């Protein structure tokens, strides 16, 4: 009688190649989000303001023109801006952490991952500064 060896518990070699490729795609998507979100957030608020201008025929005024009740065009842009404001920042923080975690797994990407995280944090700071500066009281109108 011949003894059969137990099946190997290690995954096949092409599994690691496929997993590495998928991690690189996920890392690219996360880096893209981290760089785009700080720009999309104030942009969505200003697009809502512009939609209010188109709908009302004049620039919306704080405490007078409520963005939630102007019209359908503003409702759509307002919803996108609110989703970005409420859930986007949390997703931004999670994306930064995942980028740093992936940098530990895929050592060839660590410089790009750290640079993307740093640039994303600087862009987010600039975005917050811009919204606090609030030229033309767009943020005041939006949050009113």
N, C-alpha and C. Protein backbone atom coordinates (compact mmCIF):
# COMPACT_ATOMS: atom_id res chain seq x y z
N UNK A 1 0.82 -1.18 0.00
CA UNK A 1 0.00 0.00 0.00
C UNK A 1 0.87 1.25 0.00
N UNK A 2 0.45 2.17 -0.81
CA UNK A 2 1.19 3.43 -0.84
C UNK A 2 0.41 4.46 -0.05
N UNK A 3 1.16 5.23 0.64
CA UNK A 3 0.55 6.29 1.43
C UNK A 3 0.34 7.52 0.54
N UNK A 4 -0.83 8.11 0.64
CA UNK A 4 -1.07 9.33 -0.12
C UNK A 4 -0.79 10.52 0.79
N UNK A 5 -0.20 11.50 0.23
CA UNK A 5 0.10 12.68 1.03
C UNK A 5 -1.15 13.55 1.10
N UNK A 6 -1.32 14.24 2.22
CA UNK A 6 -2.50 15.11 2.34
C UNK A 6 -2.42 16.25 1.34
N UNK A 7 -3.57 16.73 0.91
CA UNK A 7 -3.55 17.84 -0.06
C UNK A 7 -2.85 19.05 0.55
N UNK A 8 -2.18 19.76 -0.29
CA UNK A 8 -1.43 20.93 0.16
C UNK A 8 -2.40 22.00 0.67
N UNK A 9 -2.06 22.60 1.77
CA UNK A 9 -2.89 23.63 2.37
C UNK A 9 -2.53 25.02 1.88
N UNK A 10 -1.48 25.12 1.09
CA UNK A 10 -1.07 26.42 0.59
C UNK A 10 -1.80 26.72 -0.72
N UNK A 11 -2.17 27.97 -0.90
CA UNK A 11 -2.85 28.34 -2.16
C UNK A 11 -1.87 28.25 -3.32
N UNK A 12 -2.39 28.09 -4.53
CA UNK A 12 -1.51 28.03 -5.70
C UNK A 12 -0.76 29.35 -5.88
N UNK A 13 0.35 29.28 -6.61
CA UNK A 13 1.19 30.47 -6.78
C UNK A 13 0.48 31.59 -7.53
N UNK A 14 -0.37 31.27 -8.49
CA UNK A 14 -1.05 32.33 -9.23
C UNK A 14 -2.05 33.08 -8.36
N UNK A 15 -2.46 32.48 -7.23
CA UNK A 15 -3.35 33.17 -6.30
C UNK A 15 -2.70 34.46 -5.79
N UNK A 16 -1.42 34.39 -5.44
CA UNK A 16 -0.72 35.56 -4.90
C UNK A 16 -0.56 36.62 -5.98
N UNK A 17 -0.35 36.20 -7.22
CA UNK A 17 -0.26 37.17 -8.31
C UNK A 17 -1.59 37.89 -8.52
N UNK A 18 -2.67 37.13 -8.50
CA UNK A 18 -4.00 37.74 -8.66
C UNK A 18 -4.33 38.65 -7.48
N UNK A 19 -4.00 38.22 -6.26
CA UNK A 19 -4.27 39.03 -5.08
C UNK A 19 -3.47 40.33 -5.13
N UNK A 20 -2.20 40.25 -5.54
CA UNK A 20 -1.38 41.46 -5.66
C UNK A 20 -1.95 42.44 -6.66
N UNK A 21 -2.44 41.94 -7.79
CA UNK A 21 -3.05 42.80 -8.80
C UNK A 21 -4.32 43.47 -8.28
N UNK A 22 -5.09 42.71 -7.53
CA UNK A 22 -6.32 43.29 -6.97
C UNK A 22 -6.00 44.34 -5.92
N UNK A 23 -4.98 44.09 -5.10
CA UNK A 23 -4.59 45.09 -4.10
C UNK A 23 -4.12 46.37 -4.76
N UNK A 24 -3.42 46.27 -5.87
CA UNK A 24 -2.98 47.46 -6.58
C UNK A 24 -4.17 48.24 -7.13
N UNK A 25 -5.19 47.54 -7.63
CA UNK A 25 -6.39 48.22 -8.14
C UNK A 25 -7.15 48.90 -7.02
N UNK A 26 -7.27 48.22 -5.88
CA UNK A 26 -7.94 48.82 -4.72
C UNK A 26 -7.16 50.03 -4.24
N UNK A 27 -5.83 49.90 -4.19
CA UNK A 27 -4.99 51.01 -3.77
C UNK A 27 -5.14 52.21 -4.69
N UNK A 28 -5.23 51.96 -6.00
CA UNK A 28 -5.42 53.05 -6.95
C UNK A 28 -6.76 53.76 -6.71
N UNK A 29 -7.81 52.97 -6.51
CA UNK A 29 -9.14 53.57 -6.26
C UNK A 29 -9.14 54.39 -4.97
N UNK A 30 -8.50 53.88 -3.94
CA UNK A 30 -8.43 54.61 -2.68
C UNK A 30 -7.64 55.90 -2.83
N UNK A 31 -6.51 55.84 -3.53
CA UNK A 31 -5.71 57.05 -3.74
C UNK A 31 -6.48 58.08 -4.56
N UNK A 32 -7.22 57.62 -5.56
CA UNK A 32 -8.03 58.53 -6.36
C UNK A 32 -9.09 59.21 -5.49
N UNK A 33 -9.74 58.46 -4.61
CA UNK A 33 -10.76 59.04 -3.73
C UNK A 33 -10.14 60.06 -2.77
N UNK A 34 -9.00 59.72 -2.20
CA UNK A 34 -8.35 60.61 -1.23
C UNK A 34 -7.95 61.93 -1.90
N UNK A 35 -7.56 61.89 -3.14
CA UNK A 35 -7.18 63.12 -3.83
C UNK A 35 -8.39 63.89 -4.38
N UNK A 36 -9.48 63.18 -4.70
CA UNK A 36 -10.65 63.84 -5.30
C UNK A 36 -11.61 64.41 -4.26
N UNK A 37 -11.77 63.75 -3.13
CA UNK A 37 -12.78 64.17 -2.16
C UNK A 37 -12.60 65.61 -1.67
N UNK A 38 -11.39 66.03 -1.30
CA UNK A 38 -11.26 67.42 -0.82
C UNK A 38 -11.62 68.47 -1.87
N UNK A 39 -11.56 68.11 -3.13
CA UNK A 39 -11.95 69.03 -4.20
C UNK A 39 -13.45 68.93 -4.46
N UNK A 40 -13.99 67.72 -4.41
CA UNK A 40 -15.42 67.52 -4.70
C UNK A 40 -16.33 68.11 -3.63
N UNK A 41 -15.89 68.13 -2.38
CA UNK A 41 -16.75 68.63 -1.31
C UNK A 41 -17.12 70.10 -1.50
N UNK A 42 -16.17 71.04 -1.56
CA UNK A 42 -16.59 72.43 -1.79
C UNK A 42 -17.19 72.64 -3.17
N UNK A 43 -16.74 71.85 -4.16
CA UNK A 43 -17.30 71.96 -5.50
C UNK A 43 -18.79 71.62 -5.50
N UNK A 44 -19.18 70.60 -4.75
CA UNK A 44 -20.59 70.22 -4.70
C UNK A 44 -21.44 71.30 -4.02
N UNK A 45 -20.88 71.94 -3.01
CA UNK A 45 -21.61 73.04 -2.35
C UNK A 45 -21.78 74.21 -3.32
N UNK A 46 -20.74 74.54 -4.07
CA UNK A 46 -20.84 75.65 -5.02
C UNK A 46 -21.72 75.31 -6.22
N UNK A 47 -21.75 74.04 -6.62
CA UNK A 47 -22.67 73.64 -7.69
C UNK A 47 -24.12 73.76 -7.20
N UNK A 48 -24.36 73.43 -5.95
CA UNK A 48 -25.70 73.60 -5.37
C UNK A 48 -26.08 75.09 -5.36
N UNK A 49 -25.11 75.94 -5.03
CA UNK A 49 -25.33 77.38 -5.02
C UNK A 49 -25.66 77.88 -6.43
N UNK A 50 -24.93 77.38 -7.42
CA UNK A 50 -25.18 77.75 -8.81
C UNK A 50 -26.55 77.24 -9.27
N UNK A 51 -26.92 76.04 -8.84
CA UNK A 51 -28.25 75.52 -9.18
C UNK A 51 -29.34 76.39 -8.56
N UNK A 52 -29.09 76.88 -7.35
CA UNK A 52 -30.03 77.82 -6.73
C UNK A 52 -30.14 79.11 -7.52
N UNK A 53 -29.03 79.57 -8.05
CA UNK A 53 -29.04 80.79 -8.88
C UNK A 53 -29.86 80.57 -10.14
N UNK A 54 -29.68 79.42 -10.76
CA UNK A 54 -30.43 79.12 -11.99
C UNK A 54 -31.92 78.98 -11.69
N UNK A 55 -32.26 78.34 -10.60
CA UNK A 55 -33.66 78.11 -10.25
C UNK A 55 -34.37 79.39 -9.81
N UNK A 56 -33.70 80.18 -8.96
CA UNK A 56 -34.33 81.37 -8.40
C UNK A 56 -34.29 82.58 -9.34
N UNK A 57 -33.27 82.66 -10.15
CA UNK A 57 -33.10 83.85 -10.99
C UNK A 57 -32.24 84.90 -10.31
N UNK A 58 -31.83 84.67 -9.08
CA UNK A 58 -30.90 85.55 -8.36
C UNK A 58 -30.05 84.66 -7.45
N UNK A 59 -28.96 85.22 -6.97
CA UNK A 59 -28.10 84.42 -6.08
C UNK A 59 -28.83 84.15 -4.77
N UNK A 60 -28.83 82.92 -4.29
CA UNK A 60 -29.51 82.60 -3.03
C UNK A 60 -28.92 83.38 -1.86
N UNK A 61 -29.80 83.78 -0.96
CA UNK A 61 -29.39 84.55 0.21
C UNK A 61 -29.50 83.70 1.47
N UNK A 62 -28.54 83.83 2.38
CA UNK A 62 -28.62 83.09 3.64
C UNK A 62 -29.86 83.51 4.43
N UNK A 63 -30.46 82.58 5.12
CA UNK A 63 -31.64 82.77 5.98
C UNK A 63 -32.90 83.12 5.20
N UNK A 64 -32.83 83.24 3.89
CA UNK A 64 -34.02 83.54 3.09
C UNK A 64 -34.33 82.38 2.16
N UNK A 65 -33.36 81.97 1.37
CA UNK A 65 -33.54 80.91 0.39
C UNK A 65 -32.95 79.61 0.94
N UNK A 66 -33.82 78.74 1.41
CA UNK A 66 -33.37 77.47 1.98
C UNK A 66 -33.03 76.49 0.85
N UNK A 67 -31.81 75.92 0.86
CA UNK A 67 -31.43 75.03 -0.25
C UNK A 67 -32.28 73.76 -0.33
N UNK A 68 -32.90 73.38 0.75
CA UNK A 68 -33.71 72.16 0.73
C UNK A 68 -35.10 72.38 0.12
N UNK A 69 -35.48 73.63 -0.09
CA UNK A 69 -36.83 73.87 -0.58
C UNK A 69 -36.88 74.82 -1.79
N UNK A 70 -35.83 74.89 -2.56
CA UNK A 70 -35.84 75.80 -3.72
C UNK A 70 -36.46 75.15 -4.94
N UNK A 71 -36.03 73.97 -5.28
CA UNK A 71 -36.56 73.31 -6.47
C UNK A 71 -35.87 71.99 -6.71
N UNK A 72 -36.32 71.28 -7.74
CA UNK A 72 -35.82 69.93 -8.00
C UNK A 72 -34.35 69.91 -8.39
N UNK A 73 -33.91 70.86 -9.19
CA UNK A 73 -32.50 70.90 -9.58
C UNK A 73 -31.61 71.08 -8.35
N UNK A 74 -32.01 71.92 -7.45
CA UNK A 74 -31.24 72.15 -6.22
C UNK A 74 -31.35 70.94 -5.31
N UNK A 75 -32.50 70.29 -5.29
CA UNK A 75 -32.66 69.10 -4.44
C UNK A 75 -31.65 68.02 -4.80
N UNK A 76 -31.40 67.81 -6.08
CA UNK A 76 -30.46 66.78 -6.52
C UNK A 76 -29.04 67.14 -6.10
N UNK A 77 -28.62 68.35 -6.38
CA UNK A 77 -27.26 68.76 -6.04
C UNK A 77 -27.09 68.86 -4.52
N UNK A 78 -28.15 69.28 -3.83
CA UNK A 78 -28.10 69.37 -2.36
C UNK A 78 -27.93 67.98 -1.76
N UNK A 79 -28.63 66.99 -2.29
CA UNK A 79 -28.51 65.63 -1.77
C UNK A 79 -27.10 65.09 -1.96
N UNK A 80 -26.51 65.33 -3.13
CA UNK A 80 -25.13 64.88 -3.38
C UNK A 80 -24.17 65.56 -2.41
N UNK A 81 -24.34 66.85 -2.22
CA UNK A 81 -23.45 67.59 -1.31
C UNK A 81 -23.61 67.11 0.14
N UNK A 82 -24.84 66.84 0.55
CA UNK A 82 -25.07 66.36 1.92
C UNK A 82 -24.47 64.98 2.12
N UNK A 83 -24.61 64.11 1.14
CA UNK A 83 -24.01 62.77 1.25
C UNK A 83 -22.49 62.88 1.34
N UNK A 84 -21.89 63.74 0.51
CA UNK A 84 -20.44 63.94 0.58
C UNK A 84 -20.04 64.51 1.94
N UNK A 85 -20.84 65.40 2.46
CA UNK A 85 -20.52 66.03 3.74
C UNK A 85 -20.68 65.06 4.90
N UNK A 86 -21.74 64.27 4.89
CA UNK A 86 -22.01 63.39 6.04
C UNK A 86 -21.18 62.11 6.02
N UNK A 87 -21.09 61.47 4.86
CA UNK A 87 -20.42 60.17 4.80
C UNK A 87 -19.05 60.23 4.13
N UNK A 88 -18.83 61.23 3.32
CA UNK A 88 -17.58 61.32 2.59
C UNK A 88 -16.37 61.53 3.46
N UNK A 89 -16.51 62.33 4.52
CA UNK A 89 -15.36 62.60 5.39
C UNK A 89 -14.96 61.34 6.16
N UNK A 90 -15.94 60.59 6.60
CA UNK A 90 -15.64 59.33 7.29
C UNK A 90 -14.97 58.36 6.32
N UNK A 91 -15.47 58.29 5.09
CA UNK A 91 -14.86 57.43 4.08
C UNK A 91 -13.46 57.91 3.73
N UNK A 92 -13.24 59.22 3.76
CA UNK A 92 -11.91 59.79 3.51
C UNK A 92 -10.92 59.30 4.56
N UNK A 93 -11.31 59.35 5.82
CA UNK A 93 -10.42 58.89 6.90
C UNK A 93 -10.14 57.40 6.79
N UNK A 94 -11.17 56.63 6.50
CA UNK A 94 -10.98 55.18 6.35
C UNK A 94 -10.08 54.89 5.15
N UNK A 95 -10.25 55.64 4.07
CA UNK A 95 -9.41 55.44 2.88
C UNK A 95 -7.94 55.74 3.19
N UNK A 96 -7.68 56.78 3.97
CA UNK A 96 -6.30 57.09 4.36
C UNK A 96 -5.71 55.91 5.14
N UNK A 97 -6.47 55.38 6.09
CA UNK A 97 -5.97 54.25 6.88
C UNK A 97 -5.76 53.01 6.02
N UNK A 98 -6.66 52.76 5.09
CA UNK A 98 -6.49 51.60 4.20
C UNK A 98 -5.30 51.77 3.26
N UNK A 99 -5.06 52.99 2.80
CA UNK A 99 -3.89 53.24 1.96
C UNK A 99 -2.61 52.94 2.73
N UNK A 100 -2.57 53.38 3.98
CA UNK A 100 -1.38 53.12 4.79
C UNK A 100 -1.24 51.63 5.09
N UNK A 101 -2.35 50.95 5.29
CA UNK A 101 -2.30 49.50 5.52
C UNK A 101 -1.81 48.77 4.27
N UNK A 102 -2.33 49.16 3.12
CA UNK A 102 -1.89 48.54 1.87
C UNK A 102 -0.42 48.84 1.59
N UNK A 103 0.06 49.99 2.06
CA UNK A 103 1.49 50.30 1.89
C UNK A 103 2.34 49.31 2.66
N UNK A 104 1.82 48.81 3.77
CA UNK A 104 2.55 47.79 4.53
C UNK A 104 2.53 46.45 3.81
N UNK A 105 1.43 46.15 3.12
CA UNK A 105 1.32 44.86 2.42
C UNK A 105 2.09 44.84 1.11
N UNK A 106 1.97 45.91 0.35
CA UNK A 106 2.64 45.99 -0.95
C UNK A 106 3.80 46.97 -0.79
N UNK A 107 4.96 46.47 -0.45
CA UNK A 107 6.08 47.33 -0.09
C UNK A 107 6.57 48.18 -1.26
N UNK A 108 6.30 47.76 -2.49
CA UNK A 108 6.74 48.54 -3.64
C UNK A 108 5.95 49.85 -3.77
N UNK A 109 4.81 49.94 -3.11
CA UNK A 109 3.93 51.11 -3.24
C UNK A 109 4.01 52.05 -2.04
N UNK A 110 4.93 51.85 -1.11
CA UNK A 110 4.87 52.61 0.13
C UNK A 110 5.15 54.10 -0.07
N UNK A 111 6.06 54.47 -0.97
CA UNK A 111 6.35 55.90 -1.17
C UNK A 111 5.15 56.61 -1.79
N UNK A 112 4.56 55.97 -2.79
CA UNK A 112 3.39 56.56 -3.45
C UNK A 112 2.22 56.66 -2.47
N UNK A 113 2.06 55.65 -1.64
CA UNK A 113 0.97 55.65 -0.66
C UNK A 113 1.14 56.75 0.37
N UNK A 114 2.36 56.90 0.89
CA UNK A 114 2.60 57.96 1.86
C UNK A 114 2.45 59.34 1.24
N UNK A 115 2.93 59.52 0.02
CA UNK A 115 2.80 60.81 -0.66
C UNK A 115 1.33 61.14 -0.92
N UNK A 116 0.57 60.15 -1.36
CA UNK A 116 -0.86 60.37 -1.61
C UNK A 116 -1.59 60.73 -0.33
N UNK A 117 -1.28 60.03 0.76
CA UNK A 117 -1.92 60.33 2.03
C UNK A 117 -1.59 61.74 2.49
N UNK A 118 -0.33 62.13 2.36
CA UNK A 118 0.08 63.47 2.79
C UNK A 118 -0.58 64.54 1.93
N UNK A 119 -0.60 64.35 0.63
CA UNK A 119 -1.23 65.33 -0.27
C UNK A 119 -2.73 65.40 0.01
N UNK A 120 -3.36 64.25 0.24
CA UNK A 120 -4.79 64.24 0.56
C UNK A 120 -5.10 64.99 1.84
N UNK A 121 -4.27 64.83 2.85
CA UNK A 121 -4.48 65.53 4.12
C UNK A 121 -4.29 67.04 3.94
N UNK A 122 -3.27 67.43 3.17
CA UNK A 122 -3.05 68.85 2.90
C UNK A 122 -4.22 69.43 2.10
N UNK A 123 -4.70 68.71 1.09
CA UNK A 123 -5.86 69.17 0.32
C UNK A 123 -7.11 69.28 1.19
N UNK A 124 -7.28 68.33 2.11
CA UNK A 124 -8.43 68.40 3.01
C UNK A 124 -8.33 69.62 3.92
N UNK A 125 -7.13 69.90 4.41
CA UNK A 125 -6.94 71.11 5.22
C UNK A 125 -7.24 72.37 4.43
N UNK A 126 -6.80 72.41 3.18
CA UNK A 126 -7.09 73.57 2.33
C UNK A 126 -8.59 73.68 2.06
N UNK A 127 -9.25 72.55 1.89
CA UNK A 127 -10.69 72.55 1.66
C UNK A 127 -11.45 73.08 2.88
N UNK A 128 -11.05 72.63 4.04
CA UNK A 128 -11.69 73.11 5.29
C UNK A 128 -11.41 74.60 5.46
N UNK A 129 -10.18 75.03 5.20
CA UNK A 129 -9.85 76.45 5.30
C UNK A 129 -10.70 77.28 4.33
N UNK A 130 -10.86 76.79 3.10
CA UNK A 130 -11.65 77.51 2.10
C UNK A 130 -13.12 77.60 2.54
N UNK A 131 -13.66 76.51 3.07
CA UNK A 131 -15.06 76.54 3.51
C UNK A 131 -15.24 77.42 4.75
N UNK A 132 -14.22 77.50 5.60
CA UNK A 132 -14.31 78.40 6.76
C UNK A 132 -14.18 79.86 6.33
N UNK A 133 -13.39 80.11 5.29
CA UNK A 133 -13.23 81.46 4.77
C UNK A 133 -14.57 81.93 4.22
N UNK A 134 -15.28 81.06 3.54
CA UNK A 134 -16.65 81.25 3.07
C UNK A 134 -16.85 82.53 2.25
N UNK A 135 -16.18 82.63 1.12
CA UNK A 135 -16.42 83.80 0.27
C UNK A 135 -17.87 83.77 -0.25
N UNK A 136 -18.49 84.92 -0.29
CA UNK A 136 -19.86 85.10 -0.77
C UNK A 136 -20.89 84.40 0.12
N UNK A 137 -20.53 83.94 1.30
CA UNK A 137 -21.42 83.30 2.27
C UNK A 137 -22.15 82.08 1.70
N UNK A 138 -21.48 81.34 0.85
CA UNK A 138 -22.06 80.14 0.25
C UNK A 138 -22.22 79.06 1.31
N UNK A 139 -21.21 78.85 2.13
CA UNK A 139 -21.30 77.85 3.21
C UNK A 139 -22.36 78.21 4.22
N UNK A 140 -22.48 79.49 4.54
CA UNK A 140 -23.52 79.95 5.47
C UNK A 140 -24.90 79.65 4.90
N UNK A 141 -25.08 79.94 3.62
CA UNK A 141 -26.37 79.66 2.95
C UNK A 141 -26.65 78.17 2.94
N UNK A 142 -25.63 77.37 2.61
CA UNK A 142 -25.82 75.93 2.50
C UNK A 142 -26.18 75.30 3.84
N UNK A 143 -25.51 75.70 4.91
CA UNK A 143 -25.73 75.10 6.23
C UNK A 143 -26.91 75.72 6.97
N UNK A 144 -27.48 76.77 6.42
CA UNK A 144 -28.58 77.48 7.08
C UNK A 144 -29.80 76.61 7.22
